[in-house]
Amino acid sequence: MKKILVAVDGSKNSKKAAQEAANIAKCMLSEVTLIHIRNESSKIPINQFEVISYFSDDVLKKIETEQKEKISKLKEEILNEAAKEFEEKGITPQKVVLKGDPANVICDYAEKNDFDMIIVADKGHGKVEKFMLGGTSDKIVRHAKASVLVIR
């Protein structure tokens, strides 16, 4: 396995997957990319309870900009936290943040960039967790062209 893609979302299980991925990458001398997907549910609503009608356009733009900055900072923190697991083992992972449906984006990214393996946690921060595997990890297992290792 020369190229490993590790999906992270900041959840406890995702951190465990990053730890296991770091061990595997060190043993196999693999190139690692950490990927975090921002899906539409990552948006912070600003129009709940119709509060939006009380703000001017300038205020709304300022709120939206602040929200985007907070989300961007959070995504960066998630990747940096996961990267520590690899850096402790002498591996410098690449970091990627993309937007869309997590499973679809991860599968597409892995295929387009010729990854040999995808490592993902069994359950993460998804809205609804399935019984055996999380919805995202289950979809990745079923649709990825690369090998998939699910960490429990």
N, C-alpha and C. Protein backbone atom coordinates (compact mmCIF):
# COMPACT_ATOMS: atom_id res chain seq x y z
N MET A 1 0.84 -1.18 0.00
CA MET A 1 0.00 0.00 0.00
C MET A 1 0.89 1.24 0.00
N LYS A 2 0.99 1.85 -1.15
CA LYS A 2 1.86 3.02 -1.25
C LYS A 2 1.13 4.31 -0.90
N LYS A 3 -0.16 4.38 -1.20
CA LYS A 3 -0.93 5.60 -0.93
C LYS A 3 -2.17 5.25 -0.11
N ILE A 4 -2.27 5.90 1.06
CA ILE A 4 -3.40 5.66 1.95
C ILE A 4 -4.16 6.96 2.16
N LEU A 5 -5.48 6.87 2.02
CA LEU A 5 -6.37 8.00 2.27
C LEU A 5 -7.08 7.73 3.59
N VAL A 6 -6.98 8.67 4.53
CA VAL A 6 -7.57 8.49 5.85
C VAL A 6 -8.65 9.56 6.04
N ALA A 7 -9.88 9.10 6.20
CA ALA A 7 -11.01 10.02 6.41
C ALA A 7 -11.13 10.35 7.89
N VAL A 8 -11.20 11.65 8.20
CA VAL A 8 -11.31 12.09 9.59
C VAL A 8 -12.46 13.09 9.73
N ASP A 9 -13.16 13.00 10.88
CA ASP A 9 -14.24 13.95 11.13
C ASP A 9 -14.21 14.53 12.55
N GLY A 10 -13.17 14.20 13.29
CA GLY A 10 -13.04 14.73 14.64
C GLY A 10 -13.71 13.89 15.72
N SER A 11 -14.41 12.85 15.33
CA SER A 11 -15.08 11.98 16.31
C SER A 11 -14.05 11.10 17.01
N LYS A 12 -14.47 10.52 18.13
CA LYS A 12 -13.61 9.60 18.89
C LYS A 12 -13.17 8.43 18.02
N ASN A 13 -14.10 7.87 17.27
CA ASN A 13 -13.78 6.73 16.39
C ASN A 13 -12.84 7.13 15.27
N SER A 14 -13.00 8.34 14.77
CA SER A 14 -12.13 8.84 13.72
C SER A 14 -10.69 8.98 14.22
N LYS A 15 -10.55 9.42 15.47
CA LYS A 15 -9.21 9.54 16.07
C LYS A 15 -8.56 8.16 16.20
N LYS A 16 -9.36 7.18 16.56
CA LYS A 16 -8.86 5.80 16.66
C LYS A 16 -8.42 5.31 15.27
N ALA A 17 -9.20 5.62 14.25
CA ALA A 17 -8.85 5.23 12.89
C ALA A 17 -7.53 5.88 12.46
N ALA A 18 -7.34 7.14 12.83
CA ALA A 18 -6.09 7.83 12.50
C ALA A 18 -4.90 7.17 13.19
N GLN A 19 -5.07 6.75 14.45
CA GLN A 19 -4.00 6.07 15.17
C GLN A 19 -3.61 4.77 14.47
N GLU A 20 -4.62 3.99 14.10
CA GLU A 20 -4.35 2.72 13.41
C GLU A 20 -3.72 2.97 12.04
N ALA A 21 -4.21 3.98 11.35
CA ALA A 21 -3.67 4.30 10.03
C ALA A 21 -2.21 4.72 10.13
N ALA A 22 -1.87 5.46 11.18
CA ALA A 22 -0.47 5.87 11.37
C ALA A 22 0.43 4.66 11.58
N ASN A 23 -0.04 3.69 12.34
CA ASN A 23 0.75 2.47 12.56
C ASN A 23 0.95 1.71 11.24
N ILE A 24 -0.11 1.59 10.47
CA ILE A 24 -0.03 0.89 9.18
C ILE A 24 0.89 1.63 8.23
N ALA A 25 0.72 2.94 8.14
CA ALA A 25 1.53 3.75 7.22
C ALA A 25 3.02 3.66 7.57
N LYS A 26 3.33 3.64 8.85
CA LYS A 26 4.73 3.54 9.27
C LYS A 26 5.32 2.19 8.86
N CYS A 27 4.58 1.12 9.10
CA CYS A 27 5.05 -0.22 8.75
C CYS A 27 5.23 -0.40 7.25
N MET A 28 4.33 0.22 6.48
CA MET A 28 4.34 0.02 5.03
C MET A 28 5.04 1.14 4.27
N LEU A 29 5.56 2.13 5.01
CA LEU A 29 6.22 3.29 4.40
C LEU A 29 5.32 3.96 3.36
N SER A 30 4.08 4.17 3.74
CA SER A 30 3.07 4.69 2.83
C SER A 30 3.00 6.21 2.85
N GLU A 31 2.59 6.75 1.73
CA GLU A 31 2.24 8.17 1.62
C GLU A 31 0.81 8.30 2.14
N VAL A 32 0.55 9.33 2.97
CA VAL A 32 -0.76 9.46 3.61
C VAL A 32 -1.38 10.81 3.29
N THR A 33 -2.68 10.77 3.01
CA THR A 33 -3.46 11.99 2.88
C THR A 33 -4.64 11.89 3.84
N LEU A 34 -4.80 12.93 4.64
CA LEU A 34 -5.96 13.04 5.53
C LEU A 34 -7.01 13.83 4.79
N ILE A 35 -8.23 13.35 4.83
CA ILE A 35 -9.32 14.04 4.13
C ILE A 35 -10.47 14.30 5.10
N HIS A 36 -10.97 15.51 5.05
CA HIS A 36 -12.14 15.88 5.85
C HIS A 36 -13.15 16.48 4.88
N ILE A 37 -14.38 16.03 5.00
CA ILE A 37 -15.43 16.50 4.09
C ILE A 37 -16.39 17.40 4.83
N ARG A 38 -16.59 18.56 4.27
CA ARG A 38 -17.59 19.49 4.80
C ARG A 38 -18.86 19.25 4.01
N ASN A 39 -19.88 18.75 4.70
CA ASN A 39 -21.15 18.55 4.00
C ASN A 39 -22.08 19.71 4.28
N GLU A 40 -23.20 19.72 3.65
CA GLU A 40 -24.13 20.85 3.78
C GLU A 40 -24.62 21.03 5.20
N SER A 41 -24.66 19.98 6.00
CA SER A 41 -25.13 20.12 7.37
C SER A 41 -24.12 20.84 8.25
N SER A 42 -22.92 21.15 7.69
CA SER A 42 -21.91 21.88 8.45
C SER A 42 -22.25 23.36 8.56
N LYS A 43 -23.22 23.81 7.81
CA LYS A 43 -23.60 25.22 7.85
C LYS A 43 -24.29 25.53 9.17
N ILE A 44 -24.00 26.69 9.71
CA ILE A 44 -24.69 27.14 10.90
C ILE A 44 -25.87 27.98 10.44
N PRO A 45 -27.09 27.61 10.81
CA PRO A 45 -28.25 28.35 10.32
C PRO A 45 -28.29 29.76 10.90
N ILE A 46 -28.58 30.73 10.04
CA ILE A 46 -28.70 32.09 10.52
C ILE A 46 -30.14 32.58 10.41
N ASN A 47 -31.00 31.77 9.88
CA ASN A 47 -32.38 32.23 9.70
C ASN A 47 -33.38 31.45 10.55
N GLN A 48 -32.90 30.80 11.61
CA GLN A 48 -33.83 30.09 12.47
C GLN A 48 -34.80 31.10 13.09
N PHE A 49 -36.02 30.66 13.22
CA PHE A 49 -37.08 31.47 13.83
C PHE A 49 -37.27 32.82 13.12
N GLU A 50 -36.90 32.86 11.86
CA GLU A 50 -37.06 34.04 11.02
C GLU A 50 -36.36 35.28 11.57
N VAL A 51 -35.28 35.08 12.30
CA VAL A 51 -34.49 36.18 12.83
C VAL A 51 -33.85 36.96 11.69
N ILE A 52 -33.64 36.28 10.59
CA ILE A 52 -32.98 36.89 9.44
C ILE A 52 -33.66 38.19 9.00
N SER A 53 -34.95 38.28 9.14
CA SER A 53 -35.67 39.45 8.66
C SER A 53 -35.34 40.72 9.46
N TYR A 54 -34.72 40.56 10.62
CA TYR A 54 -34.40 41.72 11.46
C TYR A 54 -33.01 42.27 11.22
N PHE A 55 -32.21 41.61 10.39
CA PHE A 55 -30.85 42.06 10.14
C PHE A 55 -30.71 42.70 8.77
N SER A 56 -29.82 43.69 8.69
CA SER A 56 -29.52 44.31 7.39
C SER A 56 -28.64 43.35 6.59
N ASP A 57 -28.52 43.61 5.31
CA ASP A 57 -27.68 42.78 4.45
C ASP A 57 -26.23 42.77 4.92
N ASP A 58 -25.75 43.94 5.36
CA ASP A 58 -24.37 44.03 5.84
C ASP A 58 -24.14 43.16 7.06
N VAL A 59 -25.08 43.17 7.98
CA VAL A 59 -24.96 42.36 9.20
C VAL A 59 -25.02 40.87 8.83
N LEU A 60 -25.92 40.50 7.94
CA LEU A 60 -26.02 39.10 7.52
C LEU A 60 -24.73 38.63 6.86
N LYS A 61 -24.14 39.47 6.01
CA LYS A 61 -22.88 39.11 5.35
C LYS A 61 -21.77 38.93 6.38
N LYS A 62 -21.75 39.80 7.39
CA LYS A 62 -20.74 39.71 8.44
C LYS A 62 -20.91 38.40 9.23
N ILE A 63 -22.16 38.07 9.58
CA ILE A 63 -22.44 36.83 10.31
C ILE A 63 -22.02 35.63 9.47
N GLU A 64 -22.36 35.64 8.19
CA GLU A 64 -22.01 34.52 7.31
C GLU A 64 -20.49 34.37 7.20
N THR A 65 -19.79 35.48 7.07
CA THR A 65 -18.33 35.44 6.98
C THR A 65 -17.72 34.88 8.25
N GLU A 66 -18.22 35.31 9.40
CA GLU A 66 -17.73 34.82 10.68
C GLU A 66 -17.98 33.32 10.83
N GLN A 67 -19.14 32.88 10.39
CA GLN A 67 -19.48 31.46 10.46
C GLN A 67 -18.54 30.64 9.58
N LYS A 68 -18.29 31.12 8.37
CA LYS A 68 -17.40 30.41 7.46
C LYS A 68 -16.00 30.32 8.05
N GLU A 69 -15.55 31.38 8.69
CA GLU A 69 -14.23 31.38 9.30
C GLU A 69 -14.16 30.39 10.47
N LYS A 70 -15.22 30.34 11.28
CA LYS A 70 -15.26 29.40 12.40
C LYS A 70 -15.25 27.96 11.90
N ILE A 71 -16.05 27.69 10.88
CA ILE A 71 -16.11 26.34 10.31
C ILE A 71 -14.76 25.96 9.71
N SER A 72 -14.15 26.88 8.99
CA SER A 72 -12.85 26.62 8.39
C SER A 72 -11.79 26.33 9.46
N LYS A 73 -11.82 27.09 10.53
CA LYS A 73 -10.87 26.87 11.62
C LYS A 73 -11.09 25.52 12.28
N LEU A 74 -12.35 25.15 12.47
CA LEU A 74 -12.67 23.85 13.06
C LEU A 74 -12.17 22.71 12.18
N LYS A 75 -12.37 22.82 10.88
CA LYS A 75 -11.92 21.78 9.94
C LYS A 75 -10.41 21.66 9.99
N GLU A 76 -9.73 22.79 10.07
CA GLU A 76 -8.26 22.80 10.15
C GLU A 76 -7.80 22.12 11.44
N GLU A 77 -8.49 22.40 12.55
CA GLU A 77 -8.15 21.78 13.83
C GLU A 77 -8.34 20.26 13.78
N ILE A 78 -9.40 19.81 13.13
CA ILE A 78 -9.65 18.37 13.00
C ILE A 78 -8.50 17.71 12.25
N LEU A 79 -8.08 18.31 11.14
CA LEU A 79 -6.98 17.74 10.35
C LEU A 79 -5.66 17.79 11.12
N ASN A 80 -5.40 18.91 11.79
CA ASN A 80 -4.15 19.04 12.54
C ASN A 80 -4.07 18.05 13.69
N GLU A 81 -5.19 17.82 14.36
CA GLU A 81 -5.23 16.85 15.46
C GLU A 81 -4.93 15.44 14.92
N ALA A 82 -5.52 15.08 13.82
CA ALA A 82 -5.27 13.76 13.23
C ALA A 82 -3.82 13.66 12.73
N ALA A 83 -3.31 14.76 12.19
CA ALA A 83 -1.94 14.75 11.66
C ALA A 83 -0.90 14.46 12.74
N LYS A 84 -1.18 14.83 13.98
CA LYS A 84 -0.25 14.59 15.09
C LYS A 84 0.08 13.10 15.23
N GLU A 85 -0.94 12.26 15.01
CA GLU A 85 -0.73 10.81 15.11
C GLU A 85 0.35 10.34 14.13
N PHE A 86 0.38 10.94 12.96
CA PHE A 86 1.33 10.56 11.92
C PHE A 86 2.70 11.20 12.16
N GLU A 87 2.67 12.47 12.54
CA GLU A 87 3.92 13.20 12.76
C GLU A 87 4.73 12.58 13.88
N GLU A 88 4.06 12.02 14.89
CA GLU A 88 4.76 11.33 15.98
C GLU A 88 5.51 10.10 15.48
N LYS A 89 5.12 9.61 14.33
CA LYS A 89 5.77 8.43 13.74
C LYS A 89 6.67 8.81 12.56
N GLY A 90 6.92 10.11 12.42
CA GLY A 90 7.82 10.57 11.36
C GLY A 90 7.18 10.68 9.99
N ILE A 91 5.85 10.71 9.93
CA ILE A 91 5.12 10.80 8.66
C ILE A 91 4.47 12.18 8.57
N THR A 92 4.65 12.84 7.44
CA THR A 92 4.00 14.13 7.22
C THR A 92 2.86 13.93 6.23
N PRO A 93 1.63 13.88 6.73
CA PRO A 93 0.51 13.65 5.81
C PRO A 93 0.09 14.91 5.07
N GLN A 94 -0.44 14.72 3.89
CA GLN A 94 -1.09 15.82 3.20
C GLN A 94 -2.46 15.99 3.82
N LYS A 95 -3.02 17.20 3.74
CA LYS A 95 -4.34 17.48 4.32
C LYS A 95 -5.24 18.08 3.26
N VAL A 96 -6.46 17.54 3.19
CA VAL A 96 -7.41 17.99 2.18
C VAL A 96 -8.77 18.19 2.84
N VAL A 97 -9.40 19.34 2.55
CA VAL A 97 -10.78 19.58 2.96
C VAL A 97 -11.59 19.79 1.69
N LEU A 98 -12.64 19.01 1.54
CA LEU A 98 -13.51 19.13 0.38
C LEU A 98 -14.95 19.26 0.86
N LYS A 99 -15.83 19.57 -0.06
CA LYS A 99 -17.24 19.79 0.27
C LYS A 99 -18.10 18.81 -0.50
N GLY A 100 -19.16 18.32 0.14
CA GLY A 100 -20.11 17.45 -0.53
C GLY A 100 -20.54 16.30 0.35
N ASP A 101 -21.14 15.31 -0.26
CA ASP A 101 -21.53 14.10 0.45
C ASP A 101 -20.26 13.35 0.81
N PRO A 102 -20.00 13.11 2.11
CA PRO A 102 -18.71 12.52 2.50
C PRO A 102 -18.35 11.23 1.77
N ALA A 103 -19.23 10.27 1.70
CA ALA A 103 -18.89 8.99 1.06
C ALA A 103 -18.58 9.17 -0.42
N ASN A 104 -19.41 9.91 -1.12
CA ASN A 104 -19.18 10.12 -2.55
C ASN A 104 -17.87 10.85 -2.81
N VAL A 105 -17.61 11.89 -2.05
CA VAL A 105 -16.40 12.68 -2.25
C VAL A 105 -15.16 11.84 -1.94
N ILE A 106 -15.20 11.08 -0.86
CA ILE A 106 -14.06 10.24 -0.49
C ILE A 106 -13.79 9.20 -1.57
N CYS A 107 -14.82 8.53 -2.04
CA CYS A 107 -14.65 7.53 -3.10
C CYS A 107 -14.09 8.16 -4.38
N ASP A 108 -14.66 9.28 -4.79
CA ASP A 108 -14.20 9.96 -6.00
C ASP A 108 -12.76 10.43 -5.87
N TYR A 109 -12.43 11.03 -4.73
CA TYR A 109 -11.07 11.53 -4.51
C TYR A 109 -10.07 10.37 -4.53
N ALA A 110 -10.41 9.29 -3.88
CA ALA A 110 -9.51 8.12 -3.84
C ALA A 110 -9.27 7.57 -5.24
N GLU A 111 -10.33 7.49 -6.03
CA GLU A 111 -10.19 6.95 -7.39
C GLU A 111 -9.37 7.89 -8.28
N LYS A 112 -9.69 9.17 -8.24
CA LYS A 112 -8.99 10.15 -9.09
C LYS A 112 -7.51 10.29 -8.74
N ASN A 113 -7.16 10.01 -7.49
CA ASN A 113 -5.78 10.20 -7.05
C ASN A 113 -5.05 8.87 -6.80
N ASP A 114 -5.62 7.78 -7.31
CA ASP A 114 -4.97 6.46 -7.30
C ASP A 114 -4.52 5.99 -5.91
N PHE A 115 -5.41 6.11 -4.94
CA PHE A 115 -5.09 5.59 -3.61
C PHE A 115 -5.27 4.08 -3.60
N ASP A 116 -4.39 3.41 -2.86
CA ASP A 116 -4.45 1.96 -2.74
C ASP A 116 -5.42 1.52 -1.66
N MET A 117 -5.57 2.38 -0.64
CA MET A 117 -6.41 2.02 0.50
C MET A 117 -7.07 3.26 1.09
N ILE A 118 -8.29 3.07 1.56
CA ILE A 118 -9.02 4.09 2.31
C ILE A 118 -9.20 3.54 3.72
N ILE A 119 -8.86 4.35 4.71
CA ILE A 119 -9.08 3.95 6.10
C ILE A 119 -10.11 4.90 6.69
N VAL A 120 -11.14 4.32 7.30
CA VAL A 120 -12.26 5.10 7.81
C VAL A 120 -12.76 4.47 9.11
N ALA A 121 -13.30 5.30 9.98
CA ALA A 121 -13.90 4.80 11.22
C ALA A 121 -15.26 4.18 10.92
N ASP A 122 -15.69 3.27 11.78
CA ASP A 122 -16.98 2.63 11.54
C ASP A 122 -18.13 3.60 11.76
N LYS A 123 -18.01 4.50 12.71
CA LYS A 123 -19.06 5.50 12.94
C LYS A 123 -18.40 6.81 13.28
N GLY A 124 -19.03 7.89 12.84
CA GLY A 124 -18.47 9.21 13.10
C GLY A 124 -19.53 10.18 13.56
N HIS A 125 -19.43 11.37 13.03
CA HIS A 125 -20.35 12.44 13.40
C HIS A 125 -21.54 12.55 12.46
N GLY A 126 -21.90 11.48 11.77
CA GLY A 126 -23.03 11.54 10.85
C GLY A 126 -24.34 11.77 11.59
N LYS A 127 -25.34 12.26 10.88
CA LYS A 127 -26.64 12.55 11.50
C LYS A 127 -27.29 11.31 12.07
N VAL A 128 -27.28 10.24 11.29
CA VAL A 128 -27.93 9.00 11.73
C VAL A 128 -26.90 7.89 11.63
N GLU A 129 -26.66 7.20 12.73
CA GLU A 129 -25.71 6.09 12.69
C GLU A 129 -26.47 4.79 12.50
N LYS A 130 -25.99 3.99 11.59
CA LYS A 130 -26.63 2.71 11.28
C LYS A 130 -26.29 1.68 12.35
N PHE A 131 -26.82 0.49 12.24
CA PHE A 131 -26.60 -0.51 13.27
C PHE A 131 -25.18 -1.05 13.27
N MET A 132 -24.70 -1.57 12.17
CA MET A 132 -23.37 -2.18 12.18
C MET A 132 -22.29 -1.18 11.81
N LEU A 133 -22.40 -0.57 10.68
CA LEU A 133 -21.44 0.43 10.24
C LEU A 133 -22.16 1.75 10.15
N GLY A 134 -21.41 2.83 10.24
CA GLY A 134 -22.01 4.14 10.04
C GLY A 134 -22.43 4.26 8.59
N GLY A 135 -23.35 5.15 8.30
CA GLY A 135 -23.85 5.33 6.94
C GLY A 135 -22.75 5.67 5.96
N THR A 136 -21.82 6.54 6.35
CA THR A 136 -20.74 6.95 5.46
C THR A 136 -19.78 5.79 5.22
N SER A 137 -19.34 5.12 6.27
CA SER A 137 -18.37 4.04 6.09
C SER A 137 -18.99 2.89 5.29
N ASP A 138 -20.25 2.60 5.52
CA ASP A 138 -20.93 1.55 4.78
C ASP A 138 -20.97 1.88 3.28
N LYS A 139 -21.27 3.11 2.97
CA LYS A 139 -21.34 3.53 1.57
C LYS A 139 -19.95 3.48 0.92
N ILE A 140 -18.92 3.87 1.67
CA ILE A 140 -17.56 3.80 1.14
C ILE A 140 -17.18 2.35 0.84
N VAL A 141 -17.47 1.46 1.76
CA VAL A 141 -17.16 0.04 1.56
C VAL A 141 -17.83 -0.48 0.29
N ARG A 142 -19.08 -0.09 0.08
CA ARG A 142 -19.82 -0.60 -1.08
C ARG A 142 -19.41 0.02 -2.41
N HIS A 143 -18.90 1.26 -2.39
CA HIS A 143 -18.68 1.96 -3.66
C HIS A 143 -17.23 2.26 -4.03
N ALA A 144 -16.32 2.19 -3.09
CA ALA A 144 -14.92 2.53 -3.38
C ALA A 144 -14.28 1.48 -4.29
N LYS A 145 -13.43 1.95 -5.17
CA LYS A 145 -12.67 1.06 -6.04
C LYS A 145 -11.42 0.55 -5.31
N ALA A 146 -10.91 1.35 -4.37
CA ALA A 146 -9.74 0.96 -3.58
C ALA A 146 -10.16 0.05 -2.44
N SER A 147 -9.18 -0.62 -1.85
CA SER A 147 -9.46 -1.41 -0.66
C SER A 147 -9.86 -0.47 0.47
N VAL A 148 -10.74 -0.94 1.34
CA VAL A 148 -11.22 -0.12 2.45
C VAL A 148 -11.00 -0.87 3.75
N LEU A 149 -10.39 -0.19 4.72
CA LEU A 149 -10.22 -0.75 6.05
C LEU A 149 -11.08 0.07 6.99
N VAL A 150 -12.03 -0.59 7.64
CA VAL A 150 -12.92 0.07 8.59
C VAL A 150 -12.42 -0.24 9.99
N ILE A 151 -12.16 0.81 10.75
CA ILE A 151 -11.65 0.66 12.11
C ILE A 151 -12.78 0.78 13.09
N ARG A 152 -12.88 -0.18 13.99
CA ARG A 152 -13.91 -0.17 15.04
C ARG A 152 -13.30 0.19 16.35
